[in-house]
N, C-alpha and C. Protein backbone atom coordinates (compact mmCIF):
# COMPACT_ATOMS: atom_id res chain seq x y z
N UNK A 1 0.71 -1.09 0.16
CA UNK A 1 -0.17 -0.14 -0.10
C UNK A 1 0.81 0.97 0.08
N UNK A 2 0.53 2.09 -0.91
CA UNK A 2 0.98 3.51 -0.78
C UNK A 2 1.20 3.93 0.05
N UNK A 3 2.17 5.21 0.72
CA UNK A 3 2.20 5.93 1.58
C UNK A 3 0.94 7.33 1.66
N UNK A 4 0.56 7.52 0.86
CA UNK A 4 -0.33 8.60 0.26
C UNK A 4 -1.61 7.39 0.66
N UNK A 5 -2.07 6.31 0.27
CA UNK A 5 -2.91 5.76 0.58
C UNK A 5 -3.12 5.40 2.47
N UNK A 6 -1.66 5.06 2.81
CA UNK A 6 -1.91 5.03 4.23
C UNK A 6 -2.12 6.18 4.97
N UNK A 7 -1.60 7.08 4.73
CA UNK A 7 -1.82 8.73 5.26
C UNK A 7 -3.49 8.89 5.59
N UNK A 8 -3.98 9.13 4.17
CA UNK A 8 -5.76 9.10 3.83
C UNK A 8 -6.29 8.38 4.78
N UNK A 9 -5.65 6.95 4.69
CA UNK A 9 -6.92 6.03 5.77
C UNK A 9 -6.17 6.57 7.23
N UNK A 10 -5.50 6.85 7.47
CA UNK A 10 -4.64 7.53 9.05
C UNK A 10 -5.94 8.57 9.22
N UNK A 11 -5.82 9.46 8.09
CA UNK A 11 -6.67 10.65 8.33
C UNK A 11 -8.31 10.77 8.53
N UNK A 12 -8.45 9.92 8.12
CA UNK A 12 -9.95 9.00 7.78
C UNK A 12 -10.32 8.95 8.90
N UNK A 13 -9.59 7.63 9.42
CA UNK A 13 -9.86 7.07 11.14
C UNK A 13 -10.14 8.19 12.12
N UNK A 14 -8.73 9.23 12.11
CA UNK A 14 -8.83 10.06 13.03
C UNK A 14 -9.82 11.05 12.99
N UNK A 15 -10.58 11.22 11.80
CA UNK A 15 -11.43 12.31 11.71
C UNK A 15 -12.87 11.67 12.12
N UNK A 16 -13.06 10.06 11.79
CA UNK A 16 -13.95 9.92 12.31
C UNK A 16 -14.19 9.44 13.59
N UNK A 17 -13.04 9.03 14.13
CA UNK A 17 -13.01 8.80 15.68
C UNK A 17 -13.22 10.43 16.77
N UNK A 18 -12.49 11.53 15.93
CA UNK A 18 -13.17 12.86 16.24
C UNK A 18 -14.86 12.86 16.36
N UNK A 19 -15.20 12.83 15.40
CA UNK A 19 -16.78 13.33 15.23
C UNK A 19 -17.13 12.37 15.78
N UNK A 20 -17.28 10.56 15.97
CA UNK A 20 -17.92 9.87 17.19
C UNK A 20 -17.93 10.29 18.55
N UNK A 21 -16.31 11.24 18.94
CA UNK A 21 -16.24 12.02 20.16
C UNK A 21 -16.85 13.10 20.29
N UNK A 22 -17.00 13.70 19.33
CA UNK A 22 -17.91 15.10 19.31
C UNK A 22 -19.32 14.53 19.41
N UNK A 23 -19.90 13.63 18.55
CA UNK A 23 -21.30 13.24 18.78
C UNK A 23 -21.95 12.82 20.01
N UNK A 24 -20.74 11.69 20.38
CA UNK A 24 -21.10 11.52 22.16
C UNK A 24 -20.56 12.33 22.45
N UNK A 25 -20.26 13.33 22.59
CA UNK A 25 -20.46 14.66 23.80
C UNK A 25 -21.46 15.17 23.79
N UNK A 26 -21.97 15.75 22.69
CA UNK A 26 -23.18 16.30 22.38
C UNK A 26 -24.62 15.63 22.98
N UNK A 27 -24.58 14.15 22.57
CA UNK A 27 -25.51 13.48 22.77
C UNK A 27 -25.71 13.36 24.57
N UNK A 28 -24.36 13.05 25.28
CA UNK A 28 -24.41 12.65 26.77
C UNK A 28 -24.67 14.04 26.91
N UNK A 29 -23.82 15.15 27.03
CA UNK A 29 -23.84 16.21 27.96
C UNK A 29 -24.64 17.73 27.47
N UNK A 30 -25.19 17.47 26.68
CA UNK A 30 -26.21 18.38 25.93
C UNK A 30 -27.66 17.86 26.18
N UNK A 31 -27.85 16.49 25.17
CA UNK A 31 -29.32 16.31 24.35
C UNK A 31 -30.06 15.58 26.05
N UNK A 32 -28.65 14.55 26.74
CA UNK A 32 -29.39 13.90 27.58
C UNK A 32 -29.84 14.64 29.31
N UNK A 33 -28.98 15.51 29.38
CA UNK A 33 -28.90 16.51 30.39
C UNK A 33 -30.51 17.43 30.03
N UNK A 34 -30.52 17.94 29.33
CA UNK A 34 -31.61 18.76 28.67
C UNK A 34 -32.74 17.84 29.01
N UNK A 35 -32.39 16.82 28.47
CA UNK A 35 -33.77 15.66 28.44
C UNK A 35 -34.53 15.51 29.69
N UNK A 36 -33.38 15.51 30.46
CA UNK A 36 -33.70 14.96 31.71
C UNK A 36 -34.26 16.20 32.68
N UNK A 37 -33.56 17.51 32.59
CA UNK A 37 -34.23 18.60 32.68
C UNK A 37 -35.88 18.65 32.60
N UNK A 38 -36.09 18.50 31.63
CA UNK A 38 -37.41 18.61 30.89
C UNK A 38 -38.11 17.80 31.27
N UNK A 39 -37.83 16.35 31.49
CA UNK A 39 -38.68 15.04 32.30
C UNK A 39 -38.79 16.19 33.70
N UNK A 40 -38.07 15.90 34.21
CA UNK A 40 -38.31 16.74 35.74
C UNK A 40 -39.22 17.51 36.06
N UNK A 41 -38.78 18.75 34.80
CA UNK A 41 -39.54 19.88 34.95
C UNK A 41 -41.61 19.78 34.65
N UNK A 42 -41.46 18.79 34.01
CA UNK A 42 -43.18 18.21 33.83
C UNK A 42 -43.21 17.71 34.50
N UNK A 43 -42.64 16.48 35.26
CA UNK A 43 -43.36 15.96 36.78
C UNK A 43 -43.28 16.10 37.86
N UNK A 44 -43.22 17.85 37.54
CA UNK A 44 -43.06 18.09 39.44
C UNK A 44 -44.73 18.19 39.29
N UNK A 45 -44.94 18.21 40.70
CA UNK A 45 -46.44 18.36 41.10
C UNK A 45 -47.03 19.40 40.56
N UNK A 46 -46.17 20.81 40.46
CA UNK A 46 -46.75 22.15 39.38
C UNK A 46 -46.04 22.17 38.33
N UNK A 47 -46.38 21.22 37.46
CA UNK A 47 -45.43 21.24 36.16
C UNK A 47 -45.19 22.55 35.56
N UNK A 48 -43.64 22.89 35.26
CA UNK A 48 -43.38 23.59 34.83
C UNK A 48 -42.94 23.38 32.96
N UNK A 49 -44.28 23.87 32.38
CA UNK A 49 -44.03 23.30 30.94
C UNK A 49 -43.20 23.89 30.48
N UNK A 50 -43.29 25.43 30.16
CA UNK A 50 -42.68 26.39 29.73
C UNK A 50 -41.06 25.76 29.60
N UNK A 51 -40.66 25.39 31.01
CA UNK A 51 -39.15 24.99 31.27
C UNK A 51 -38.75 24.25 30.75
N UNK A 52 -39.78 22.78 30.52
CA UNK A 52 -39.46 21.84 30.04
C UNK A 52 -39.44 22.16 28.34
N UNK A 53 -40.44 22.51 27.80
CA UNK A 53 -40.38 23.14 26.52
C UNK A 53 -39.23 23.47 26.48
N UNK A 54 -38.64 24.58 26.76
CA UNK A 54 -37.23 25.52 26.68
C UNK A 54 -36.38 24.52 26.41
N UNK A 55 -36.17 23.48 27.50
CA UNK A 55 -35.19 22.57 27.65
C UNK A 55 -35.09 21.58 26.23
N UNK A 56 -36.46 20.96 25.78
CA UNK A 56 -36.45 20.06 24.83
C UNK A 56 -36.28 20.78 23.71
N UNK A 57 -36.45 22.60 23.37
CA UNK A 57 -35.53 23.12 22.32
C UNK A 57 -34.32 22.79 22.51
N UNK A 58 -33.64 23.23 23.57
CA UNK A 58 -32.12 23.10 23.57
C UNK A 58 -31.77 21.97 23.00
N UNK A 59 -32.36 20.84 23.42
CA UNK A 59 -31.70 19.53 23.03
C UNK A 59 -31.93 19.28 21.32
N UNK A 60 -32.81 19.76 20.73
CA UNK A 60 -33.38 19.51 19.51
C UNK A 60 -31.96 20.42 19.02
N UNK A 61 -31.70 21.60 19.18
CA UNK A 61 -30.90 22.27 19.01
C UNK A 61 -29.39 22.00 19.11
N UNK A 62 -28.93 21.37 19.78
CA UNK A 62 -27.88 20.45 19.92
C UNK A 62 -27.86 19.25 18.98
N UNK A 63 -28.75 18.68 18.74
CA UNK A 63 -28.81 17.14 17.73
C UNK A 63 -28.72 17.80 16.33
N UNK A 64 -29.26 18.60 16.07
CA UNK A 64 -29.04 19.72 14.77
C UNK A 64 -28.07 20.02 14.39
N UNK A 65 -27.10 20.95 15.33
CA UNK A 65 -26.11 21.05 15.77
C UNK A 65 -25.22 19.69 14.94
N UNK A 66 -25.21 18.35 15.87
CA UNK A 66 -24.08 17.39 15.57
C UNK A 66 -24.66 16.99 14.32
N UNK A 67 -25.71 16.67 13.61
CA UNK A 67 -25.91 16.77 12.47
C UNK A 67 -25.70 17.17 11.28
N UNK A 68 -25.43 18.98 11.43
CA UNK A 68 -24.50 19.44 10.77
C UNK A 68 -23.17 19.17 10.77
N UNK A 69 -22.53 18.83 11.97
CA UNK A 69 -21.15 18.50 11.97
C UNK A 69 -21.04 17.22 11.01
N UNK A 70 -22.00 16.47 11.23
CA UNK A 70 -21.65 14.98 10.64
C UNK A 70 -21.73 15.54 8.78
N UNK A 71 -23.16 16.22 8.55
CA UNK A 71 -22.99 16.36 7.30
C UNK A 71 -21.67 17.27 6.76
N UNK A 72 -21.04 17.86 7.51
CA UNK A 72 -19.59 18.32 7.04
C UNK A 72 -18.79 17.66 7.04
N UNK A 73 -18.43 16.60 7.20
CA UNK A 73 -17.39 15.43 6.80
C UNK A 73 -17.95 14.40 6.14
N UNK A 74 -19.14 14.21 6.44
CA UNK A 74 -20.02 13.02 5.16
C UNK A 74 -19.92 13.53 3.61
N UNK A 75 -19.60 12.32 2.77
CA UNK A 75 -20.01 12.86 1.22
C UNK A 75 -21.16 12.50 1.16
N UNK A 76 -21.90 13.53 0.10
CA UNK A 76 -23.25 13.16 0.07
C UNK A 76 -23.76 11.91 -0.62
N UNK A 77 -25.02 11.37 0.10
CA UNK A 77 -25.12 10.10 -0.54
C UNK A 77 -25.95 10.14 -1.63
N UNK A 78 -25.63 8.74 -2.81
CA UNK A 78 -26.55 9.23 -4.50
C UNK A 78 -27.44 9.97 -4.04
N UNK A 79 -28.27 9.52 -3.10
CA UNK A 79 -30.01 10.09 -3.18
C UNK A 79 -30.24 11.07 -2.67
N UNK A 80 -29.01 12.06 -2.13
CA UNK A 80 -28.86 13.24 -2.27
C UNK A 80 -28.52 14.52 -3.07
N UNK A 81 -27.71 13.82 -3.85
CA UNK A 81 -27.24 14.60 -4.90
C UNK A 81 -28.19 15.16 -5.98
């Protein structure tokens, strides 16, 4: 295997590991935390619906951010072209 191909594979693997780490961080630190806060706000004896809705909006934003980052690294699939 040529040095160029080995270098490309290494960079691709590094990019993939970096994206995996970024996505896991977004899911565990942002989405999961916000969804737990939303559930807690809604399950109170006097539910705080506005707080719950706001936390859900924040978690949706975090998911959209992760999707955008993935789309930047991933080549377009044939059905998207």
